[in-house]
Amino acid sequence: MIELLHLQKKFGQRLAVDDLSFRVAPGEIFGLLGHNGAGKSTAIGMMLGQVWPTGGAVKIRGHDVATHRRAALQQVGAIFETPVFYDYLSAWRNLEILSTYTAPTPKARIQEVIEWVGLTGREQSKVRTYSHGMRSRLALAQALLPKPELLILDEPSDGLDPEGIHEMRQTILRLRRELGLTILLSSHLLNEVEQLCTRIAILQQGRKVFEGSVAGVKSAHGRVALKTPDFAGATRLLRERGLITATAEERFITLADGCSTVEITQALVAAGRPVQGIWQHEQTVEDFYLDLVNRHRETMK
């Protein structure tokens, strides 16, 4: 559905996106992660034909965006940067006007997308009376107007309160489940990414530093949480005996190949060191992201 091939973008001497390649398969929700300035929005801008690449190519639905933009984006809906509406007009009238930029849209389709995003009953209200959450739902309604096969969403939950974030998450999951949409989203809300996405790519200074499945990230084995009064002394003993290979944050240990938590406990107890708790730690996307970014920063020093 989406294919980026050695994509590059320079702004003057600054390399904003550097040799970026990945594919998004039909039907998946793909997350694009990275800190502010990592290149996420620039990459999305190139996918939508709003930013011209310095090198490489973007293909959507098999069409090159640079040479066949109309065909590539014909069935693509997007929320990119801050959506702008006519505040003095109703949501319905806004959707009518915005739809004419591409093709006239039947009233039945406008009503359908209003129902999809949960604005039924407020479609005739002026947009200036809308909360931030309602504006976000209206932006999603606009993206759904052309009956897209692909949705590209740049920070769809940005600025929403917890209830709004939950509602946006449920809507995105329902769109994928019931309409079979392919969805690419960028977000800095890592907990949301974990609950929404099937696969992720992480950008650091314009380069891809990771691509893989969320399930694979969460099931990464070997990291164990250890609670003991003297973590430093306990882990020093475990290292001397070759039972662990690494520690982190004064609470995590990485077991040596073939070692079990039972062996760790037995070794510490036999040495007179109390063990208050030991358990396999399920890595979150946030854990993985922060560890990866910090390690990458260290290598760049």
Protein backbone atom coordinates (compact mmCIF):
# COMPACT_ATOMS: atom_id res chain seq x y z
CA MET A 1 0.00 0.00 0.00
CA ILE A 2 2.90 2.36 0.85
CA GLU A 3 6.49 1.90 -0.26
CA LEU A 4 9.34 4.30 0.56
CA LEU A 5 12.54 3.65 -1.39
CA HIS A 6 15.76 5.31 -0.12
CA LEU A 7 13.85 8.53 0.49
CA GLN A 8 15.88 11.67 1.18
CA LYS A 9 15.03 15.30 1.88
CA LYS A 10 17.41 18.20 2.39
CA PHE A 11 16.46 21.70 3.53
CA GLY A 12 19.54 23.69 2.57
CA GLN A 13 22.43 21.86 4.25
CA ARG A 14 20.18 20.10 6.79
CA LEU A 15 19.34 16.48 6.03
CA ALA A 16 15.80 16.05 7.38
CA VAL A 17 15.20 12.54 6.00
CA ASP A 18 18.11 10.26 5.14
CA ASP A 19 17.83 7.03 3.12
CA LEU A 20 14.41 6.08 4.52
CA SER A 21 12.88 2.83 3.28
CA PHE A 22 9.91 0.82 4.55
CA ARG A 23 6.70 -0.80 3.34
CA VAL A 24 3.17 -0.71 4.76
CA ALA A 25 1.05 -3.72 3.82
CA PRO A 26 -2.70 -3.51 3.08
CA GLY A 27 -4.86 -3.74 6.21
CA GLU A 28 -2.24 -2.92 8.83
CA ILE A 29 -1.89 0.00 11.22
CA PHE A 30 1.70 1.21 10.95
CA GLY A 31 3.24 3.61 13.46
CA LEU A 32 5.94 6.16 12.61
CA LEU A 33 7.74 7.19 15.80
CA GLY A 34 10.41 9.69 16.68
CA HIS A 35 11.05 12.82 18.73
CA ASN A 36 10.22 16.29 17.43
CA GLY A 37 12.47 16.99 14.46
CA ALA A 38 13.18 13.32 13.75
CA GLY A 39 11.68 13.60 10.25
CA LYS A 40 8.19 12.11 10.70
CA SER A 41 6.19 15.03 9.35
CA THR A 42 8.65 15.58 6.50
CA ALA A 43 8.28 11.93 5.49
CA ILE A 44 4.48 12.19 5.62
CA GLY A 45 4.60 15.41 3.61
CA MET A 46 6.50 13.54 0.88
CA MET A 47 3.95 10.71 0.97
CA LEU A 48 1.20 13.26 0.35
CA GLY A 49 3.06 15.10 -2.41
CA GLN A 50 3.31 18.28 -0.35
CA VAL A 51 7.07 18.06 0.15
CA TRP A 52 9.31 17.30 -2.84
CA PRO A 53 11.98 14.65 -2.15
CA THR A 54 15.64 15.37 -2.77
CA GLY A 55 16.22 11.71 -3.62
CA GLY A 56 14.52 8.33 -3.60
CA ALA A 57 10.85 7.63 -4.26
CA VAL A 58 7.44 7.20 -2.61
CA LYS A 59 4.91 4.80 -4.07
CA ILE A 60 1.31 4.60 -2.88
CA ARG A 61 -1.01 1.95 -4.24
CA GLY A 62 1.73 1.17 -6.77
CA HIS A 63 1.94 4.72 -8.17
CA ASP A 64 4.91 7.05 -7.79
CA VAL A 65 3.72 10.14 -5.90
CA ALA A 66 6.17 12.46 -7.67
CA THR A 67 5.22 11.45 -11.24
CA HIS A 68 1.62 10.23 -10.83
CA ARG A 69 0.36 12.16 -7.82
CA ARG A 70 -3.32 12.10 -8.78
CA ALA A 71 -3.43 8.31 -9.26
CA ALA A 72 -1.33 7.70 -6.12
CA LEU A 73 -3.52 9.80 -3.82
CA GLN A 74 -6.91 9.12 -5.39
CA GLN A 75 -8.08 6.91 -2.52
CA VAL A 76 -6.03 8.40 0.30
CA GLY A 77 -7.42 10.39 3.22
CA ALA A 78 -5.16 12.36 5.54
CA ILE A 79 -4.89 14.53 8.62
CA PHE A 80 -1.65 16.47 8.16
CA GLU A 81 -0.50 19.33 10.39
CA THR A 82 -3.28 21.44 11.96
CA PRO A 83 -6.65 21.10 10.16
CA VAL A 84 -8.25 24.45 9.31
CA PHE A 85 -12.01 25.00 9.11
CA TYR A 86 -14.40 27.91 8.57
CA ASP A 87 -15.36 28.57 12.19
CA TYR A 88 -18.43 30.64 11.29
CA LEU A 89 -19.95 27.77 9.25
CA SER A 90 -21.45 24.49 10.39
CA ALA A 91 -19.54 21.22 10.31
CA TRP A 92 -21.84 20.03 7.52
CA ARG A 93 -21.19 23.11 5.39
CA ASN A 94 -17.44 22.79 6.00
CA LEU A 95 -17.49 19.21 4.71
CA GLU A 96 -19.54 20.27 1.67
CA ILE A 97 -17.04 22.99 0.78
CA LEU A 98 -13.93 20.90 1.47
CA SER A 99 -15.25 18.00 -0.60
CA THR A 100 -15.51 20.24 -3.68
CA TYR A 101 -11.71 20.63 -3.69
CA THR A 102 -11.47 17.05 -4.98
CA ALA A 103 -14.92 15.99 -6.28
CA PRO A 104 -18.57 16.72 -5.43
CA THR A 105 -19.73 14.45 -2.59
CA PRO A 106 -23.33 13.22 -2.17
CA LYS A 107 -25.19 14.29 0.97
CA ALA A 108 -25.55 10.63 1.92
CA ARG A 109 -21.77 10.27 2.05
CA ILE A 110 -21.39 13.38 4.23
CA GLN A 111 -24.00 12.00 6.63
CA GLU A 112 -22.23 8.65 6.64
CA VAL A 113 -18.85 10.05 7.67
CA ILE A 114 -20.48 12.27 10.31
CA GLU A 115 -21.98 9.14 11.84
CA TRP A 116 -18.66 7.30 11.60
CA VAL A 117 -16.83 9.91 13.67
CA GLY A 118 -19.62 10.44 16.21
CA LEU A 119 -20.76 13.97 15.33
CA THR A 120 -24.41 13.10 14.66
CA GLY A 121 -26.63 15.78 16.21
CA ARG A 122 -23.92 18.43 16.09
CA GLU A 123 -23.35 18.58 12.33
CA GLN A 124 -25.37 21.80 11.99
CA SER A 125 -23.55 23.55 14.84
CA LYS A 126 -20.99 26.19 13.95
CA VAL A 127 -17.44 24.90 14.22
CA ARG A 128 -16.48 27.73 16.57
CA THR A 129 -18.64 26.01 19.22
CA TYR A 130 -16.68 22.75 18.88
CA SER A 131 -14.25 21.43 21.48
CA HIS A 132 -10.76 20.38 20.42
CA GLY A 133 -11.90 16.77 20.41
CA MET A 134 -14.84 17.53 18.14
CA ARG A 135 -12.56 19.40 15.74
CA SER A 136 -10.31 16.33 15.61
CA ARG A 137 -13.32 14.17 14.75
CA LEU A 138 -14.34 16.65 12.06
CA ALA A 139 -10.82 16.46 10.59
CA LEU A 140 -11.17 12.67 10.50
CA ALA A 141 -14.57 13.03 8.80
CA GLN A 142 -12.95 15.18 6.10
CA ALA A 143 -10.25 12.52 5.60
CA LEU A 144 -12.95 9.85 5.15
CA LEU A 145 -14.97 11.75 2.53
CA PRO A 146 -13.25 10.26 -0.57
CA LYS A 147 -13.89 6.66 0.59
CA PRO A 148 -10.17 6.05 1.10
CA GLU A 149 -8.36 2.74 1.13
CA LEU A 150 -5.49 4.39 3.06
CA LEU A 151 -5.53 6.88 5.93
CA ILE A 152 -2.40 8.87 6.80
CA LEU A 153 -2.73 10.51 10.20
CA ASP A 154 -0.11 12.92 11.59
CA GLU A 155 -0.53 13.06 15.39
CA PRO A 156 -4.30 12.33 15.34
CA SER A 157 -4.60 12.50 19.15
CA ASP A 158 -2.47 15.61 19.64
CA GLY A 159 -3.92 17.93 22.29
CA LEU A 160 -6.81 15.64 23.23
CA ASP A 161 -7.78 14.88 26.81
CA PRO A 162 -7.79 11.23 28.00
CA GLU A 163 -11.42 10.73 26.98
CA GLY A 164 -10.76 12.20 23.53
CA ILE A 165 -7.67 10.02 23.08
CA HIS A 166 -9.72 6.94 23.96
CA GLU A 167 -12.48 7.90 21.52
CA MET A 168 -9.97 8.53 18.70
CA ARG A 169 -8.28 5.19 19.37
CA GLN A 170 -11.57 3.29 19.25
CA THR A 171 -12.58 5.06 16.03
CA ILE A 172 -9.27 4.21 14.33
CA LEU A 173 -9.54 0.55 15.36
CA ARG A 174 -13.15 0.42 14.12
CA LEU A 175 -12.19 1.94 10.75
CA ARG A 176 -9.59 -0.73 10.26
CA ARG A 177 -11.85 -3.54 11.51
CA GLU A 178 -15.08 -2.65 9.71
CA LEU A 179 -13.83 -0.84 6.59
CA GLY A 180 -10.55 -2.71 6.12
CA LEU A 181 -8.56 0.52 5.90
CA THR A 182 -4.79 0.64 5.90
CA ILE A 183 -3.61 3.28 8.37
CA LEU A 184 -0.26 4.99 8.83
CA LEU A 185 -0.01 7.25 11.84
CA SER A 186 2.70 9.25 13.53
CA SER A 187 2.43 9.84 17.25
CA HIS A 188 4.44 10.76 20.32
CA LEU A 189 1.90 8.94 22.55
CA LEU A 190 3.73 5.63 22.83
CA ASN A 191 1.02 3.94 24.89
CA GLU A 192 -1.46 4.68 22.10
CA VAL A 193 0.93 3.31 19.49
CA GLU A 194 1.24 0.10 21.50
CA GLN A 195 -2.55 -0.33 21.56
CA LEU A 196 -3.13 0.63 17.93
CA CYS A 197 -0.27 -0.48 15.72
CA THR A 198 0.73 -3.82 14.26
CA ARG A 199 4.20 -2.62 13.19
CA ILE A 200 6.36 0.44 13.86
CA ALA A 201 9.37 2.29 12.47
CA ILE A 202 11.47 4.59 14.66
CA LEU A 203 13.27 7.61 13.21
CA GLN A 204 16.27 9.32 14.78
CA GLN A 205 17.74 12.42 13.12
CA GLY A 206 16.03 11.53 9.85
CA ARG A 207 17.26 7.92 9.72
CA LYS A 208 15.35 4.73 10.44
CA VAL A 209 16.88 3.05 13.47
CA PHE A 210 14.26 0.30 13.90
CA GLU A 211 11.43 -1.39 12.02
CA GLY A 212 9.47 -4.34 13.36
CA SER A 213 6.27 -5.66 14.92
CA VAL A 214 4.82 -4.38 18.18
CA ALA A 215 4.31 -7.99 19.29
CA GLY A 216 8.01 -8.67 18.72
CA VAL A 217 9.00 -5.62 20.77
CA LYS A 218 6.78 -6.64 23.69
CA SER A 219 7.90 -10.27 23.70
CA ALA A 220 11.63 -9.45 23.73
CA HIS A 221 12.97 -11.89 26.32
CA GLY A 222 15.83 -11.86 28.78
CA ARG A 223 15.00 -8.73 30.77
CA VAL A 224 14.04 -9.47 34.35
CA ALA A 225 12.99 -7.15 37.16
CA LEU A 226 14.88 -7.79 40.40
CA LYS A 227 13.91 -6.24 43.73
CA THR A 228 16.54 -6.52 46.43
CA PRO A 229 17.80 -4.12 49.16
CA ASP A 230 21.31 -3.96 47.65
CA PHE A 231 20.86 -4.09 43.88
CA ALA A 232 24.47 -3.09 43.13
CA GLY A 233 25.95 -5.74 45.42
CA ALA A 234 23.56 -8.43 44.21
CA THR A 235 24.23 -7.77 40.54
CA ARG A 236 27.98 -7.63 41.10
CA LEU A 237 27.80 -11.15 42.53
CA LEU A 238 25.62 -12.35 39.65
CA ARG A 239 28.05 -10.91 37.08
CA GLU A 240 31.01 -12.61 38.78
CA ARG A 241 29.19 -15.94 38.47
CA GLY A 242 28.29 -15.34 34.83
CA LEU A 243 24.54 -15.43 35.49
CA ILE A 244 23.72 -12.00 34.03
CA THR A 245 25.11 -9.91 31.19
CA ALA A 246 23.69 -6.43 31.85
CA THR A 247 21.75 -4.22 34.28
CA ALA A 248 19.55 -1.17 33.78
CA GLU A 249 17.93 1.51 35.91
CA GLU A 250 18.96 -0.27 39.13
CA ARG A 251 16.01 -2.64 38.77
CA PHE A 252 16.47 -4.71 35.60
CA ILE A 253 18.89 -7.52 34.81
CA THR A 254 19.53 -9.36 31.55
CA LEU A 255 20.00 -13.08 32.07
CA ALA A 256 22.88 -14.98 30.51
CA ASP A 257 21.91 -17.58 27.90
CA GLY A 258 20.40 -20.65 29.56
CA CYS A 259 19.99 -18.97 32.95
CA SER A 260 16.60 -18.86 34.73
CA THR A 261 15.07 -16.70 37.45
CA VAL A 262 15.18 -19.76 39.73
CA GLU A 263 18.97 -19.91 39.41
CA ILE A 264 19.23 -16.18 40.11
CA THR A 265 17.14 -16.54 43.27
CA GLN A 266 19.08 -19.58 44.49
CA ALA A 267 22.43 -17.86 43.95
CA LEU A 268 21.43 -14.74 45.86
CA VAL A 269 19.77 -16.57 48.75
CA ALA A 270 22.76 -18.92 49.09
CA ALA A 271 25.01 -15.85 49.32
CA GLY A 272 22.83 -14.38 52.07
CA ARG A 273 21.32 -11.69 49.90
CA PRO A 274 17.53 -11.32 50.30
CA VAL A 275 15.30 -11.35 47.21
CA GLN A 276 12.12 -9.29 47.66
CA GLY A 277 10.85 -10.05 44.16
CA ILE A 278 11.95 -11.32 40.77
CA TRP A 279 9.81 -11.52 37.63
CA GLN A 280 10.00 -11.53 33.84
CA HIS A 281 9.50 -7.99 32.58
CA GLU A 282 7.22 -7.50 29.55
CA GLN A 283 8.78 -4.71 27.59
CA THR A 284 6.48 -1.87 26.55
CA VAL A 285 6.90 0.12 23.35
CA GLU A 286 7.86 3.07 25.56
CA ASP A 287 10.62 1.02 27.26
CA PHE A 288 11.95 -0.12 23.91
CA TYR A 289 11.76 3.32 22.31
CA LEU A 290 13.53 5.15 25.13
CA ASP A 291 16.25 2.50 25.40
CA LEU A 292 16.84 2.51 21.63
CA VAL A 293 16.94 6.31 21.33
CA ASN A 294 19.25 6.68 24.34
CA ARG A 295 21.65 4.04 23.00
CA HIS A 296 21.64 5.74 19.60
CA ARG A 297 22.44 9.10 21.20
CA GLU A 298 25.38 7.55 23.05
CA THR A 299 26.84 6.16 19.84
CA MET A 300 26.58 9.60 18.19
CA LYS A 301 28.65 11.33 20.89
